[in-house]
Amino acid sequence: MKPKLTKRTVDNAPPDSVLWDRELPGFGLRTTKAGTKSYVLKYRIHNHQRWFTIGQHGHPRSGGGVWTPQAARDEAITLLGRVKAGKDPARELEEDRKSETVAEFSARYIRDHAEAHNKPRSIEESKRQLRLHVLPALGHIRIKDIQRPEIVRFHLSMRDAPYQANRCLALVSHMLSKAEHWGLRVDGSTVCRGIQKFKEAKRERFLSAVELKRLGVALTAAENQGVNAHGLSIIRLLALTGARRNEIEALKWSEIDFERNLVRLEDSKTGAKTFPLTPAAATILANVMRIADSAYVFPAISGGGYFQGIGKVWRAVRKEAGLEDVRLHDLRHTFASFGVAGGFNLPVLGAILGHTQTSTTQRYAHLANDPVQHAANTIGNTIAAALGGNEAANVVPFDEKSRGR
């Protein structure tokens, strides 16, 4: 039996569902997999079925207040009156949205696409790119009118930051594709296609054993000075596990298996992931004080989230260690470099790091050059010894044991 849409019904609505109101035909609540709840109206006009999104539950209304079950019901009654009079609210809204600026459309892109499909960190990055780069340059242009010359000029204006320029270009391209899909631009008007991206210098920074020692000394000094313990533990764990920053920042107690020395992440950049804990990493986690009302190993200072002040702590520690060019992500690269230097093969290393593509781990293959060089030297010396002459001086014989390696 259909329920009547009330606050209780809305609050208890399951994800990925549509609940239809018992009293008002066509009035309903649609909930995405991510839990976003929107009031909708389904109606027929000119022998076509149409859907109209009234508003998102709890979000501001244009006339003031926020969308509640009763406010949405009143709006649905008004819309049905217009349908009875031969009007098509959904089509009228489509026409109105074609005059949206990029700034106005971006808010809908975040709400209706990013928040429904992307991970929280990706959503925040998209918002940051929009706020700092895209909207100041393109926000005033109508979404249906934006063309290649404006985007090329925008991209070129960021030439001094090639990585950010290319990421912003990708974001704009996807936004315009969504605008096409939602009927706000002409199909096939992919104006970003063919715009040449800037070359990005591949940054490979690995800490040496000496630099790691300096980092360890700086961490101990920071600890003695009373620097945030969560931040210091996160840095140590990043170095000891090769995990991504968010995988340690947002780590939950339920994801740690101390008995098997494993972390089983519910979600990560590449989906669910399991990685081993070294004894040192397990010891750090075992010594973290648990906060009774938090699921996170490193809870936020205030609120129910996880600690996100690592940036400030890292900047202080790396300055003390004389490693100001080192990023937190370089600790992951360092973990990989020590793995390769230790003779571990790339598939094993990829499994630890959580790579889903072998090509991702392959970037560390060049770090194995030292053992390759050693093998080449051994073979070359053996041949030189057989040839005789000055080039055979100080050559170590290539015995049966080394031949079998």
Protein backbone atom coordinates (compact mmCIF):
# COMPACT_ATOMS: atom_id res chain seq x y z
CA MET A 1 0.00 0.00 0.00
CA LYS A 2 1.31 3.44 -0.92
CA PRO A 3 2.21 5.66 2.05
CA LYS A 4 1.37 9.28 2.47
CA LEU A 5 4.53 11.34 2.08
CA THR A 6 5.27 12.81 5.49
CA LYS A 7 8.48 13.84 7.22
CA ARG A 8 8.74 10.38 8.80
CA THR A 9 8.19 8.66 5.44
CA VAL A 10 10.84 10.85 3.82
CA ASP A 11 13.35 10.36 6.64
CA ASN A 12 12.97 6.56 6.42
CA ALA A 13 12.99 6.30 2.62
CA PRO A 14 15.51 3.64 1.48
CA PRO A 15 18.27 4.50 -1.04
CA ASP A 16 17.68 3.91 -4.76
CA SER A 17 13.89 3.99 -4.51
CA VAL A 18 10.76 5.92 -5.54
CA LEU A 19 7.86 6.29 -3.10
CA TRP A 20 4.52 7.45 -4.49
CA ASP A 21 2.10 9.43 -2.38
CA ARG A 22 -1.16 7.71 -1.47
CA GLU A 23 -3.34 10.82 -1.75
CA LEU A 24 -1.96 12.85 -4.68
CA PRO A 25 -1.51 10.85 -7.92
CA GLY A 26 1.89 11.33 -9.55
CA PHE A 27 3.46 12.97 -6.51
CA GLY A 28 6.46 11.08 -5.15
CA LEU A 29 9.89 11.00 -3.56
CA ARG A 30 12.91 9.72 -5.47
CA THR A 31 16.02 8.67 -3.49
CA THR A 32 19.37 8.02 -5.20
CA LYS A 33 21.89 5.34 -4.24
CA ALA A 34 23.87 8.07 -2.48
CA GLY A 35 20.80 9.00 -0.39
CA THR A 36 19.85 12.28 -2.11
CA LYS A 37 16.08 12.77 -1.80
CA SER A 38 14.05 14.78 -4.30
CA TYR A 39 10.33 15.41 -4.66
CA VAL A 40 9.01 14.55 -8.13
CA LEU A 41 5.82 14.75 -10.13
CA LYS A 42 4.85 12.33 -12.90
CA TYR A 43 2.09 13.36 -15.30
CA ARG A 44 0.82 12.83 -18.85
CA ILE A 45 0.29 15.53 -21.46
CA HIS A 46 -0.30 15.20 -25.20
CA ASN A 47 -0.02 11.41 -24.81
CA HIS A 48 3.48 11.72 -23.36
CA GLN A 49 4.56 10.82 -19.83
CA ARG A 50 6.68 13.51 -18.21
CA TRP A 51 8.74 13.74 -15.01
CA PHE A 52 9.28 16.97 -13.14
CA THR A 53 11.73 17.37 -10.24
CA ILE A 54 10.09 19.72 -7.77
CA GLY A 55 13.05 20.15 -5.41
CA GLN A 56 15.53 18.42 -3.15
CA HIS A 57 14.38 17.63 0.36
CA GLY A 58 15.75 20.13 2.88
CA HIS A 59 17.23 22.44 0.22
CA PRO A 60 16.25 26.11 -0.11
CA ARG A 61 13.19 27.08 -2.17
CA SER A 62 13.27 30.07 -4.51
CA GLY A 63 10.38 31.64 -2.60
CA GLY A 64 12.03 31.20 0.78
CA GLY A 65 12.16 28.31 3.25
CA VAL A 66 13.20 24.78 2.35
CA TRP A 67 11.56 21.88 0.58
CA THR A 68 9.40 19.84 2.96
CA PRO A 69 6.76 17.19 2.18
CA GLN A 70 3.96 19.75 2.54
CA ALA A 71 5.72 22.46 0.52
CA ALA A 72 6.42 19.95 -2.26
CA ARG A 73 2.81 18.70 -2.15
CA ASP A 74 1.50 22.27 -2.54
CA GLU A 75 3.84 22.83 -5.49
CA ALA A 76 2.72 19.54 -7.07
CA ILE A 77 -0.94 20.63 -6.83
CA THR A 78 -0.05 23.92 -8.53
CA LEU A 79 1.85 22.10 -11.29
CA LEU A 80 -1.03 19.67 -11.90
CA GLY A 81 -3.33 22.68 -12.30
CA ARG A 82 -1.06 23.98 -15.04
CA VAL A 83 -1.05 20.57 -16.71
CA LYS A 84 -4.87 20.56 -16.65
CA ALA A 85 -4.75 23.94 -18.39
CA GLY A 86 -2.63 22.42 -21.19
CA LYS A 87 0.77 23.60 -19.96
CA ASP A 88 3.84 21.33 -19.80
CA PRO A 89 5.92 22.37 -16.74
CA ALA A 90 8.82 20.05 -17.59
CA ARG A 91 9.18 21.45 -21.12
CA GLU A 92 8.87 25.01 -19.85
CA LEU A 93 11.63 24.31 -17.33
CA GLU A 94 13.84 22.86 -20.05
CA GLU A 95 13.44 26.00 -22.11
CA ASP A 96 14.17 28.15 -19.08
CA ARG A 97 17.28 26.17 -18.21
CA LYS A 98 18.71 26.72 -21.67
CA SER A 99 19.33 30.27 -20.53
CA GLU A 100 21.29 29.09 -17.47
CA THR A 101 24.79 30.45 -17.11
CA VAL A 102 27.74 28.12 -16.54
CA ALA A 103 27.69 29.23 -12.89
CA GLU A 104 24.02 28.31 -12.50
CA PHE A 105 24.44 25.03 -14.34
CA SER A 106 27.47 24.07 -12.22
CA ALA A 107 25.31 23.95 -9.10
CA ARG A 108 22.96 21.50 -10.79
CA TYR A 109 25.88 19.49 -12.15
CA ILE A 110 27.26 19.03 -8.63
CA ARG A 111 23.83 18.21 -7.16
CA ASP A 112 22.41 15.94 -9.87
CA HIS A 113 25.57 14.27 -11.15
CA ALA A 114 28.60 14.55 -8.87
CA GLU A 115 26.80 13.97 -5.57
CA ALA A 116 24.94 11.00 -7.06
CA HIS A 117 27.91 9.27 -8.72
CA ASN A 118 31.27 10.54 -7.44
CA LYS A 119 33.23 9.93 -4.28
CA PRO A 120 33.29 12.71 -1.64
CA ARG A 121 36.91 13.63 -2.38
CA SER A 122 36.18 13.94 -6.12
CA ILE A 123 33.16 16.12 -5.37
CA GLU A 124 35.23 18.46 -3.22
CA GLU A 125 37.92 18.66 -5.91
CA SER A 126 35.32 19.56 -8.56
CA LYS A 127 33.89 22.26 -6.30
CA ARG A 128 37.38 23.63 -5.72
CA GLN A 129 38.18 23.75 -9.44
CA LEU A 130 34.88 25.48 -10.15
CA ARG A 131 35.32 28.04 -7.39
CA LEU A 132 38.95 28.94 -8.06
CA HIS A 133 39.27 28.60 -11.81
CA VAL A 134 36.26 27.73 -13.98
CA LEU A 135 33.56 30.09 -12.69
CA PRO A 136 35.70 33.25 -12.49
CA ALA A 137 36.54 32.79 -16.19
CA LEU A 138 33.43 31.16 -17.67
CA GLY A 139 30.67 31.46 -15.09
CA HIS A 140 28.89 34.39 -16.81
CA ILE A 141 28.47 32.62 -20.20
CA ARG A 142 25.18 30.87 -20.94
CA ILE A 143 25.63 27.10 -20.96
CA LYS A 144 23.98 26.76 -24.40
CA ASP A 145 26.21 29.45 -25.93
CA ILE A 146 29.69 28.55 -24.72
CA GLN A 147 31.98 27.70 -27.63
CA ARG A 148 35.53 26.51 -28.29
CA PRO A 149 37.25 29.96 -28.38
CA GLU A 150 36.18 30.77 -24.79
CA ILE A 151 37.39 27.41 -23.55
CA VAL A 152 40.69 27.63 -25.44
CA ARG A 153 41.36 31.08 -23.92
CA PHE A 154 40.50 29.78 -20.46
CA HIS A 155 42.81 26.78 -20.85
CA LEU A 156 45.67 28.93 -22.15
CA SER A 157 45.26 31.36 -19.25
CA MET A 158 46.29 28.53 -16.92
CA ARG A 159 49.40 27.52 -18.88
CA ASP A 160 51.62 28.18 -15.86
CA ALA A 161 49.78 25.42 -13.97
CA PRO A 162 49.51 22.69 -16.65
CA TYR A 163 48.20 19.98 -14.33
CA GLN A 164 45.36 22.16 -13.01
CA ALA A 165 44.64 23.50 -16.49
CA ASN A 166 44.15 20.00 -17.87
CA ARG A 167 41.99 18.90 -14.94
CA CYS A 168 39.78 21.98 -15.34
CA LEU A 169 39.48 21.33 -19.08
CA ALA A 170 38.33 17.78 -18.33
CA LEU A 171 35.76 19.07 -15.84
CA VAL A 172 34.36 21.63 -18.30
CA SER A 173 34.23 18.98 -21.02
CA HIS A 174 32.23 16.63 -18.81
CA MET A 175 29.88 19.40 -17.71
CA LEU A 176 29.13 20.27 -21.34
CA SER A 177 28.55 16.60 -22.16
CA LYS A 178 26.03 16.45 -19.32
CA ALA A 179 24.40 19.61 -20.63
CA GLU A 180 23.94 17.84 -23.97
CA HIS A 181 22.57 14.74 -22.27
CA TRP A 182 20.09 16.86 -20.30
CA GLY A 183 18.92 18.65 -23.44
CA LEU A 184 20.52 22.02 -22.70
CA ARG A 185 22.92 21.97 -25.64
CA VAL A 186 22.75 20.66 -29.19
CA ASP A 187 23.74 16.99 -29.43
CA GLY A 188 27.26 16.48 -30.73
CA SER A 189 28.43 19.99 -29.82
CA THR A 190 31.45 18.68 -27.93
CA VAL A 191 33.45 21.88 -28.23
CA CYS A 192 36.27 20.63 -26.00
CA ARG A 193 37.22 17.86 -28.40
CA GLY A 194 40.57 18.49 -30.05
CA ILE A 195 41.81 21.10 -27.57
CA GLN A 196 45.45 20.17 -26.98
CA LYS A 197 46.31 19.49 -23.38
CA PHE A 198 49.50 20.83 -21.85
CA LYS A 199 52.38 18.47 -21.26
CA GLU A 200 52.62 17.58 -17.61
CA ALA A 201 56.04 16.98 -16.14
CA LYS A 202 55.97 13.59 -14.47
CA ARG A 203 57.02 14.15 -10.90
CA GLU A 204 58.81 11.25 -9.28
CA ARG A 205 60.16 12.10 -5.85
CA PHE A 206 61.44 9.29 -3.66
CA LEU A 207 62.97 9.74 -0.24
CA SER A 208 66.36 8.20 0.35
CA ALA A 209 67.20 6.32 3.52
CA VAL A 210 69.02 9.45 4.79
CA GLU A 211 65.95 11.61 4.07
CA LEU A 212 63.67 9.12 5.82
CA LYS A 213 65.94 9.33 8.84
CA ARG A 214 65.57 13.13 8.84
CA LEU A 215 61.81 12.74 8.55
CA GLY A 216 61.78 10.38 11.52
CA VAL A 217 63.79 12.84 13.63
CA ALA A 218 61.41 15.67 12.65
CA LEU A 219 58.36 13.56 13.59
CA THR A 220 59.84 12.79 17.00
CA ALA A 221 60.65 16.47 17.55
CA ALA A 222 57.11 17.46 16.59
CA GLU A 223 55.72 14.86 18.98
CA ASN A 224 57.83 16.29 21.82
CA GLN A 225 56.51 19.76 20.96
CA GLY A 226 52.88 18.62 21.32
CA VAL A 227 51.96 18.69 17.62
CA ASN A 228 48.64 16.95 16.89
CA ALA A 229 49.14 13.24 17.53
CA HIS A 230 46.61 12.18 14.88
CA GLY A 231 48.49 14.08 12.19
CA LEU A 232 51.84 12.54 13.17
CA SER A 233 50.39 9.02 13.27
CA ILE A 234 48.83 9.48 9.83
CA ILE A 235 52.18 10.57 8.37
CA ARG A 236 53.96 7.56 9.88
CA LEU A 237 51.26 5.19 8.58
CA LEU A 238 51.45 6.66 5.07
CA ALA A 239 55.18 5.94 5.04
CA LEU A 240 54.80 2.44 6.50
CA THR A 241 51.91 1.20 4.35
CA GLY A 242 52.16 2.99 0.99
CA ALA A 243 48.43 3.75 1.34
CA ARG A 244 46.76 6.78 -0.19
CA ARG A 245 46.19 9.79 2.03
CA ASN A 246 42.41 9.44 2.26
CA GLU A 247 42.70 5.71 2.98
CA ILE A 248 44.49 6.48 6.25
CA GLU A 249 42.71 9.76 7.08
CA ALA A 250 39.25 8.15 6.82
CA LEU A 251 40.26 4.75 8.24
CA LYS A 252 37.59 3.11 10.44
CA TRP A 253 38.17 0.73 13.32
CA SER A 254 35.83 -1.77 11.65
CA GLU A 255 38.24 -1.96 8.68
CA ILE A 256 41.24 -3.10 10.75
CA ASP A 257 41.88 -6.81 11.33
CA PHE A 258 44.54 -6.86 14.04
CA GLU A 259 44.49 -10.66 14.20
CA ARG A 260 45.60 -11.00 10.58
CA ASN A 261 47.41 -7.64 10.36
CA LEU A 262 45.21 -6.47 7.50
CA VAL A 263 43.17 -3.42 6.56
CA ARG A 264 40.01 -4.11 4.57
CA LEU A 265 38.76 -0.80 3.22
CA GLU A 266 35.06 -0.61 2.41
CA ASP A 267 35.85 1.84 -0.35
CA SER A 268 38.86 3.56 -1.93
CA LYS A 269 39.86 5.23 -5.18
CA THR A 270 39.74 1.80 -6.83
CA GLY A 271 36.83 0.37 -4.81
CA ALA A 272 37.05 -2.10 -1.93
CA LYS A 273 40.67 -2.79 -1.08
CA THR A 274 42.76 -4.92 1.28
CA PHE A 275 46.35 -4.20 2.23
CA PRO A 276 48.72 -5.66 4.84
CA LEU A 277 49.90 -3.92 7.99
CA THR A 278 53.57 -4.04 8.86
CA PRO A 279 54.31 -4.73 12.54
CA ALA A 280 55.32 -1.07 12.99
CA ALA A 281 52.06 0.15 11.44
CA ALA A 282 50.00 -2.27 13.54
CA THR A 283 51.74 -1.00 16.68
CA ILE A 284 50.90 2.61 15.83
CA LEU A 285 47.23 1.73 15.34
CA ALA A 286 47.10 -0.36 18.51
CA ASN A 287 48.33 2.64 20.49
CA VAL A 288 45.74 5.08 19.13
CA MET A 289 43.19 5.99 21.78
CA ARG A 290 39.66 5.09 20.70
CA ILE A 291 36.90 7.69 20.90
CA ALA A 292 33.75 5.89 21.99
CA ASP A 293 31.26 7.71 19.76
CA SER A 294 33.39 7.74 16.58
CA ALA A 295 33.80 5.02 13.96
CA TYR A 296 37.01 6.66 12.73
CA VAL A 297 40.51 5.84 13.95
CA PHE A 298 41.42 9.51 13.59
CA PRO A 299 38.22 11.47 14.33
CA ALA A 300 37.84 15.17 13.67
CA ILE A 301 38.49 17.61 16.50
CA SER A 302 34.85 18.68 16.23
CA GLY A 303 31.90 17.14 14.40
CA GLY A 304 31.35 13.53 13.38
CA GLY A 305 33.83 13.28 10.53
CA TYR A 306 37.50 12.31 10.37
CA PHE A 307 40.63 14.39 10.99
CA GLN A 308 41.46 16.63 8.03
CA GLY A 309 44.17 18.85 9.46
CA ILE A 310 47.03 16.76 8.10
CA GLY A 311 48.13 19.47 5.64
CA LYS A 312 49.18 21.89 8.37
CA VAL A 313 50.98 19.18 10.34
CA TRP A 314 52.81 17.92 7.24
CA ARG A 315 54.02 21.38 6.23
CA ALA A 316 55.54 21.91 9.68
CA VAL A 317 57.18 18.46 9.78
CA ARG A 318 58.67 18.58 6.28
CA LYS A 319 60.07 22.07 6.93
CA GLU A 320 61.75 20.81 10.09
CA ALA A 321 63.18 17.86 8.11
CA GLY A 322 64.40 20.05 5.26
CA LEU A 323 62.10 18.26 2.81
CA GLU A 324 59.93 21.15 1.67
CA ASP A 325 59.65 19.81 -1.88
CA VAL A 326 58.15 16.52 -0.68
CA ARG A 327 54.39 15.92 -0.91
CA LEU A 328 52.47 13.48 1.27
CA HIS A 329 51.83 11.37 -1.82
CA ASP A 330 55.60 11.01 -2.26
CA LEU A 331 55.59 8.76 0.81
CA ARG A 332 53.57 6.28 -1.28
CA HIS A 333 56.14 6.53 -4.07
CA THR A 334 58.90 6.00 -1.51
CA PHE A 335 57.22 2.86 -0.19
CA ALA A 336 57.10 1.55 -3.76
CA SER A 337 60.73 2.45 -4.44
CA PHE A 338 61.93 0.55 -1.37
CA GLY A 339 59.81 -2.41 -2.45
CA VAL A 340 61.42 -2.53 -5.88
CA ALA A 341 64.89 -2.04 -4.40
CA GLY A 342 64.16 -4.96 -2.06
CA GLY A 343 63.67 -7.25 -5.04
CA PHE A 344 59.89 -7.64 -4.86
CA ASN A 345 58.23 -8.10 -8.25
CA LEU A 346 55.76 -5.57 -9.63
CA PRO A 347 52.59 -7.74 -9.31
CA VAL A 348 53.27 -8.20 -5.58
CA LEU A 349 53.97 -4.49 -5.18
CA GLY A 350 50.81 -3.64 -7.13
CA ALA A 351 48.75 -5.86 -4.83
CA ILE A 352 50.09 -4.04 -1.76
CA LEU A 353 49.45 -0.61 -3.27
CA GLY A 354 46.00 -1.56 -4.53
CA HIS A 355 46.65 -0.97 -8.23
CA THR A 356 43.95 -2.41 -10.49
CA GLN A 357 46.08 -1.97 -13.63
CA THR A 358 49.57 -3.46 -13.99
CA SER A 359 50.51 -0.43 -16.08
CA THR A 360 50.15 1.72 -12.96
CA THR A 361 52.76 -0.30 -11.10
CA GLN A 362 54.97 -0.42 -14.18
CA ARG A 363 55.96 3.21 -13.55
CA TYR A 364 58.27 1.88 -10.80
CA ALA A 365 60.00 -0.63 -13.08
CA HIS A 366 62.91 1.72 -13.77
CA LEU A 367 63.81 1.62 -10.09
CA ALA A 368 65.04 -1.92 -10.63
CA ASN A 369 67.84 -0.60 -12.85
CA ASP A 370 70.47 -1.17 -10.16
CA PRO A 371 70.00 -4.98 -10.04
CA VAL A 372 69.86 -5.02 -13.85
CA GLN A 373 73.10 -3.05 -14.02
CA HIS A 374 74.65 -5.41 -11.49
CA ALA A 375 73.70 -8.43 -13.61
CA ALA A 376 75.04 -6.77 -16.77
CA ASN A 377 78.32 -5.95 -15.01
CA THR A 378 78.70 -9.55 -13.84
CA ILE A 379 78.07 -10.97 -17.31
CA GLY A 380 80.33 -8.39 -18.95
CA ASN A 381 83.14 -9.07 -16.49
CA THR A 382 82.91 -12.81 -17.15
CA ILE A 383 83.16 -12.28 -20.89
CA ALA A 384 86.06 -9.85 -20.40
CA ALA A 385 87.85 -12.45 -18.31
CA ALA A 386 87.41 -15.02 -21.06
CA LEU A 387 88.70 -12.58 -23.66
CA GLY A 388 91.72 -11.71 -21.57
CA GLY A 389 93.67 -8.45 -21.72
CA ASN A 390 93.58 -5.29 -19.62
CA GLU A 391 89.79 -5.18 -19.60
CA ALA A 392 89.85 -8.36 -17.50
CA ALA A 393 91.69 -6.65 -14.63
CA ASN A 394 90.01 -6.81 -11.23
CA VAL A 395 87.25 -9.03 -12.65
CA VAL A 396 85.29 -11.31 -10.34
CA PRO A 397 84.93 -14.76 -11.98
CA PHE A 398 81.45 -15.75 -13.13
CA ASP A 399 81.15 -19.03 -11.22
CA GLU A 400 78.47 -21.68 -11.40
CA LYS A 401 76.53 -20.16 -8.48
CA SER A 402 76.22 -16.74 -10.10
CA ARG A 403 75.36 -18.35 -13.47
CA GLY A 404 72.24 -19.90 -11.99
CA ARG A 405 70.82 -16.62 -10.70
